[in-house]
Amino acid sequence: EDGSQAEIWRIEAGDRVRGSNGVINGVVENRYLFKSDTLYGWGGREPFVTGSHPFLTDDGWKCFDLEQGMALHPELGLAQIAEGDRIVTWDGAAYATEAVTGIVTKVDAVPFNNLNVSGSDTPDIPGNDTYIVNGFVVHNK
C-alpha cells in the first residue's frame, strides 16, 4: 500500500496491497501451488501467468484462456485477451495501459502464488478483490 514492492511469495495474510482505483486491500491469504499449466507472456516477456488469471484492460476484465477464466470467475463477465488489447498498468505513481503484442505460451511445472485480497468475500474487511503484481492490475483468482 505504501508503494514499496515485494516478491509475491513474501506477501502474508494481514499485509495491505494497492488495487485498482487506488483501493487498499487486505491480504487474506497467499495461496502457494506447484503444478503444470500453460503460461502466457507478451511484449517480449517470458510466459509467466496462467490463462485463467483476470487482468484489468481498458475494456474490462479479460484473461488469456476464457474457458478457464469463466469457470473460476463467471461473475466478472470476462473476455479473452487478444493482440492489441490494452492491459492496465501501475508504475508506482500513475495508471496507464500497455498494448498486448506477441503473445507466447509454454507449458511448464512451476510454483504459483495467488493472493486472496479483501473484497466481495470479506464483508468485514473493505476492498475490491484486486491487486497489482509486476505492474499489472489483476483480480483475485
C-alpha atoms as a PDB file:
ATOM      1  CA  GLU A   1       0.000   0.000   0.000  1.00  0.00           C
ATOM      2  CA  ASP A   2       2.920   2.386   0.587  1.00  0.00           C
ATOM      3  CA  GLY A   3       4.291   1.986  -2.934  1.00  0.00           C
ATOM      4  CA  SER A   4       7.097  -0.359  -1.951  1.00  0.00           C
ATOM      5  CA  GLN A   5       7.486  -3.630  -3.808  1.00  0.00           C
ATOM      6  CA  ALA A   6       7.883  -7.171  -2.537  1.00  0.00           C
ATOM      7  CA  GLU A   7       8.242 -10.554  -4.160  1.00  0.00           C
ATOM      8  CA  ILE A   8       4.784 -12.140  -4.213  1.00  0.00           C
ATOM      9  CA  TRP A   9       5.907 -15.183  -2.217  1.00  0.00           C
ATOM     10  CA  ARG A  10       6.848 -12.830   0.658  1.00  0.00           C
ATOM     11  CA  ILE A  11       3.339 -11.352   0.946  1.00  0.00           C
ATOM     12  CA  GLU A  12       1.472 -12.641   4.008  1.00  0.00           C
ATOM     13  CA  ALA A  13      -2.035 -12.574   5.416  1.00  0.00           C
ATOM     14  CA  GLY A  14      -2.549  -9.218   7.116  1.00  0.00           C
ATOM     15  CA  ASP A  15      -0.371  -7.269   4.663  1.00  0.00           C
ATOM     16  CA  ARG A  16      -2.039  -4.486   2.707  1.00  0.00           C
ATOM     17  CA  VAL A  17      -1.662  -4.047  -1.047  1.00  0.00           C
ATOM     18  CA  ARG A  18      -2.746  -1.475  -3.609  1.00  0.00           C
ATOM     19  CA  GLY A  19      -5.517  -2.475  -6.000  1.00  0.00           C
ATOM     20  CA  SER A  20      -7.414  -0.845  -8.824  1.00  0.00           C
ATOM     21  CA  ASN A  21      -8.646   2.732  -8.438  1.00  0.00           C
ATOM     22  CA  GLY A  22      -6.193   3.288  -5.577  1.00  0.00           C
ATOM     23  CA  VAL A  23      -8.153   0.998  -3.230  1.00  0.00           C
ATOM     24  CA  ILE A  24      -6.046  -0.564  -0.481  1.00  0.00           C
ATOM     25  CA  ASN A  25      -6.879  -4.233   0.058  1.00  0.00           C
ATOM     26  CA  GLY A  26      -6.023  -6.511   2.950  1.00  0.00           C
ATOM     27  CA  VAL A  27      -4.317  -9.785   2.122  1.00  0.00           C
ATOM     28  CA  VAL A  28      -6.480 -12.630   3.405  1.00  0.00           C
ATOM     29  CA  GLU A  29      -4.322 -15.486   2.147  1.00  0.00           C
ATOM     30  CA  ASN A  30      -1.348 -16.169  -0.104  1.00  0.00           C
ATOM     31  CA  ARG A  31      -2.030 -19.470  -1.831  1.00  0.00           C
ATOM     32  CA  TYR A  32       1.023 -21.432  -2.974  1.00  0.00           C
ATOM     33  CA  LEU A  33       0.628 -24.093  -5.660  1.00  0.00           C
ATOM     34  CA  PHE A  34       3.042 -26.149  -7.691  1.00  0.00           C
ATOM     35  CA  LYS A  35       1.531 -27.501 -10.879  1.00  0.00           C
ATOM     36  CA  SER A  36       1.947 -27.902 -14.585  1.00  0.00           C
ATOM     37  CA  ASP A  37      -0.011 -25.339 -16.587  1.00  0.00           C
ATOM     38  CA  THR A  38       0.060 -23.326 -19.779  1.00  0.00           C
ATOM     39  CA  LEU A  39       1.708 -19.987 -19.114  1.00  0.00           C
ATOM     40  CA  TYR A  40       1.261 -16.818 -21.178  1.00  0.00           C
ATOM     41  CA  GLY A  41       3.532 -13.877 -21.860  1.00  0.00           C
ATOM     42  CA  TRP A  42       3.547 -10.944 -24.282  1.00  0.00           C
ATOM     43  CA  GLY A  43       5.617  -7.992 -25.352  1.00  0.00           C
ATOM     44  CA  GLY A  44       8.870  -9.968 -25.219  1.00  0.00           C
ATOM     45  CA  ARG A  45       8.228 -11.328 -21.706  1.00  0.00           C
ATOM     46  CA  GLU A  46       8.852 -14.935 -20.879  1.00  0.00           C
ATOM     47  CA  PRO A  47       5.471 -16.649 -20.193  1.00  0.00           C
ATOM     48  CA  PHE A  48       4.636 -16.036 -16.529  1.00  0.00           C
ATOM     49  CA  VAL A  49       0.863 -16.105 -15.932  1.00  0.00           C
ATOM     50  CA  THR A  50      -1.807 -18.806 -16.118  1.00  0.00           C
ATOM     51  CA  GLY A  51      -4.549 -18.435 -18.694  1.00  0.00           C
ATOM     52  CA  SER A  52      -7.350 -18.015 -16.158  1.00  0.00           C
ATOM     53  CA  HIS A  53      -5.893 -15.058 -14.267  1.00  0.00           C
ATOM     54  CA  PRO A  54      -8.061 -11.930 -14.823  1.00  0.00           C
ATOM     55  CA  PHE A  55      -6.262  -8.752 -15.943  1.00  0.00           C
ATOM     56  CA  LEU A  56      -7.896  -5.339 -15.997  1.00  0.00           C
ATOM     57  CA  THR A  57      -7.907  -3.888 -19.509  1.00  0.00           C
ATOM     58  CA  ASP A  58      -9.217  -0.597 -20.810  1.00  0.00           C
ATOM     59  CA  ASP A  59     -12.219  -2.677 -21.943  1.00  0.00           C
ATOM     60  CA  GLY A  60     -12.922  -4.553 -18.684  1.00  0.00           C
ATOM     61  CA  TRP A  61     -11.670  -7.815 -17.175  1.00  0.00           C
ATOM     62  CA  LYS A  62     -10.023 -10.282 -19.545  1.00  0.00           C
ATOM     63  CA  CYS A  63      -7.899 -13.413 -19.394  1.00  0.00           C
ATOM     64  CA  PHE A  64      -5.853 -15.463 -21.857  1.00  0.00           C
ATOM     65  CA  ASP A  65      -7.925 -18.672 -21.566  1.00  0.00           C
ATOM     66  CA  LEU A  66     -11.581 -17.673 -21.498  1.00  0.00           C
ATOM     67  CA  GLU A  67     -12.940 -21.137 -20.717  1.00  0.00           C
ATOM     68  CA  GLN A  68     -10.714 -21.497 -17.637  1.00  0.00           C
ATOM     69  CA  GLY A  69     -11.303 -17.901 -16.557  1.00  0.00           C
ATOM     70  CA  MET A  70     -15.093 -18.134 -16.783  1.00  0.00           C
ATOM     71  CA  ALA A  71     -15.044 -21.383 -14.780  1.00  0.00           C
ATOM     72  CA  LEU A  72     -13.351 -19.510 -11.909  1.00  0.00           C
ATOM     73  CA  HIS A  73     -14.979 -16.085 -12.302  1.00  0.00           C
ATOM     74  CA  PRO A  74     -18.359 -16.191 -14.041  1.00  0.00           C
ATOM     75  CA  GLU A  75     -19.328 -13.005 -12.179  1.00  0.00           C
ATOM     76  CA  LEU A  76     -16.669 -10.910 -13.952  1.00  0.00           C
ATOM     77  CA  GLY A  77     -18.085 -11.211 -17.464  1.00  0.00           C
ATOM     78  CA  LEU A  78     -14.579 -11.954 -18.737  1.00  0.00           C
ATOM     79  CA  ALA A  79     -13.495 -11.683 -22.348  1.00  0.00           C
ATOM     80  CA  GLN A  80     -10.409 -13.202 -23.947  1.00  0.00           C
ATOM     81  CA  ILE A  81      -7.209 -11.176 -24.168  1.00  0.00           C
ATOM     82  CA  ALA A  82      -6.122 -10.725 -27.780  1.00  0.00           C
ATOM     83  CA  GLU A  83      -3.373  -8.923 -29.672  1.00  0.00           C
ATOM     84  CA  GLY A  84      -3.983  -5.184 -29.458  1.00  0.00           C
ATOM     85  CA  ASP A  85      -5.847  -5.232 -26.135  1.00  0.00           C
ATOM     86  CA  ARG A  86      -4.558  -2.728 -23.601  1.00  0.00           C
ATOM     87  CA  ILE A  87      -3.801  -4.019 -20.087  1.00  0.00           C
ATOM     88  CA  VAL A  88      -3.969  -1.543 -17.197  1.00  0.00           C
ATOM     89  CA  THR A  89      -0.622  -0.933 -15.503  1.00  0.00           C
ATOM     90  CA  TRP A  90       0.580   0.899 -12.400  1.00  0.00           C
ATOM     91  CA  ASP A  91       4.111   2.299 -12.241  1.00  0.00           C
ATOM     92  CA  GLY A  92       4.019   3.375  -8.608  1.00  0.00           C
ATOM     93  CA  ALA A  93       2.735   6.840  -9.443  1.00  0.00           C
ATOM     94  CA  ALA A  94       0.069   6.557 -12.141  1.00  0.00           C
ATOM     95  CA  TYR A  95      -2.152   4.148 -14.022  1.00  0.00           C
ATOM     96  CA  ALA A  96      -1.524   3.640 -17.746  1.00  0.00           C
ATOM     97  CA  THR A  97      -2.080   0.882 -20.301  1.00  0.00           C
ATOM     98  CA  GLU A  98       0.200  -1.429 -22.229  1.00  0.00           C
ATOM     99  CA  ALA A  99      -0.675  -2.988 -25.580  1.00  0.00           C
ATOM    100  CA  VAL A 100      -0.661  -6.772 -25.802  1.00  0.00           C
ATOM    101  CA  THR A 101       1.639  -7.838 -28.626  1.00  0.00           C
ATOM    102  CA  GLY A 102       3.449 -11.043 -29.464  1.00  0.00           C
ATOM    103  CA  ILE A 103       1.552 -13.463 -27.202  1.00  0.00           C
ATOM    104  CA  VAL A 104       3.650 -16.539 -26.415  1.00  0.00           C
ATOM    105  CA  THR A 105       2.859 -19.688 -24.424  1.00  0.00           C
ATOM    106  CA  LYS A 106       4.660 -22.589 -22.845  1.00  0.00           C
ATOM    107  CA  VAL A 107       3.637 -25.500 -20.664  1.00  0.00           C
ATOM    108  CA  ASP A 108       5.717 -25.749 -17.534  1.00  0.00           C
ATOM    109  CA  ALA A 109       5.585 -27.124 -13.996  1.00  0.00           C
ATOM    110  CA  VAL A 110       6.237 -24.099 -11.808  1.00  0.00           C
ATOM    111  CA  PRO A 111       5.332 -22.674  -8.396  1.00  0.00           C
ATOM    112  CA  PHE A 112       2.427 -20.216  -8.349  1.00  0.00           C
ATOM    113  CA  ASN A 113       1.351 -17.681  -5.763  1.00  0.00           C
ATOM    114  CA  ASN A 114      -2.204 -16.357  -5.799  1.00  0.00           C
ATOM    115  CA  LEU A 115      -3.244 -13.650  -3.399  1.00  0.00           C
ATOM    116  CA  ASN A 116      -6.729 -13.616  -1.965  1.00  0.00           C
ATOM    117  CA  VAL A 117      -7.330  -9.993  -1.029  1.00  0.00           C
ATOM    118  CA  SER A 118     -10.266  -8.321   0.655  1.00  0.00           C
ATOM    119  CA  GLY A 119     -13.423  -7.665  -1.286  1.00  0.00           C
ATOM    120  CA  SER A 120     -16.659  -9.463  -2.075  1.00  0.00           C
ATOM    121  CA  ASP A 121     -15.852 -12.500   0.096  1.00  0.00           C
ATOM    122  CA  THR A 122     -14.726 -10.463   3.135  1.00  0.00           C
ATOM    123  CA  PRO A 123     -17.630  -8.265   4.260  1.00  0.00           C
ATOM    124  CA  ASP A 124     -15.752  -7.241   7.440  1.00  0.00           C
ATOM    125  CA  ILE A 125     -12.637  -6.083   5.541  1.00  0.00           C
ATOM    126  CA  PRO A 126     -13.099  -3.389   2.895  1.00  0.00           C
ATOM    127  CA  GLY A 127     -11.563  -3.956  -0.514  1.00  0.00           C
ATOM    128  CA  ASN A 128     -12.252  -4.591  -4.189  1.00  0.00           C
ATOM    129  CA  ASP A 129     -10.668  -8.019  -4.874  1.00  0.00           C
ATOM    130  CA  THR A 130      -7.777  -6.555  -6.888  1.00  0.00           C
ATOM    131  CA  TYR A 131      -4.029  -6.140  -6.519  1.00  0.00           C
ATOM    132  CA  ILE A 132      -1.027  -5.050  -8.549  1.00  0.00           C
ATOM    133  CA  VAL A 133       1.590  -7.601  -9.494  1.00  0.00           C
ATOM    134  CA  ASN A 134       4.542  -6.982 -11.810  1.00  0.00           C
ATOM    135  CA  GLY A 135       2.951  -3.592 -12.536  1.00  0.00           C
ATOM    136  CA  PHE A 136      -0.361  -5.076 -13.783  1.00  0.00           C
ATOM    137  CA  VAL A 137      -3.790  -4.700 -12.170  1.00  0.00           C
ATOM    138  CA  VAL A 138      -5.228  -8.183 -11.607  1.00  0.00           C
ATOM    139  CA  HIS A 139      -8.252  -9.701  -9.874  1.00  0.00           C
ATOM    140  CA  ASN A 140      -8.271 -12.364  -7.165  1.00  0.00           C
ATOM    141  CA  LYS A 141      -8.074 -15.765  -8.754  1.00  0.00           C
END
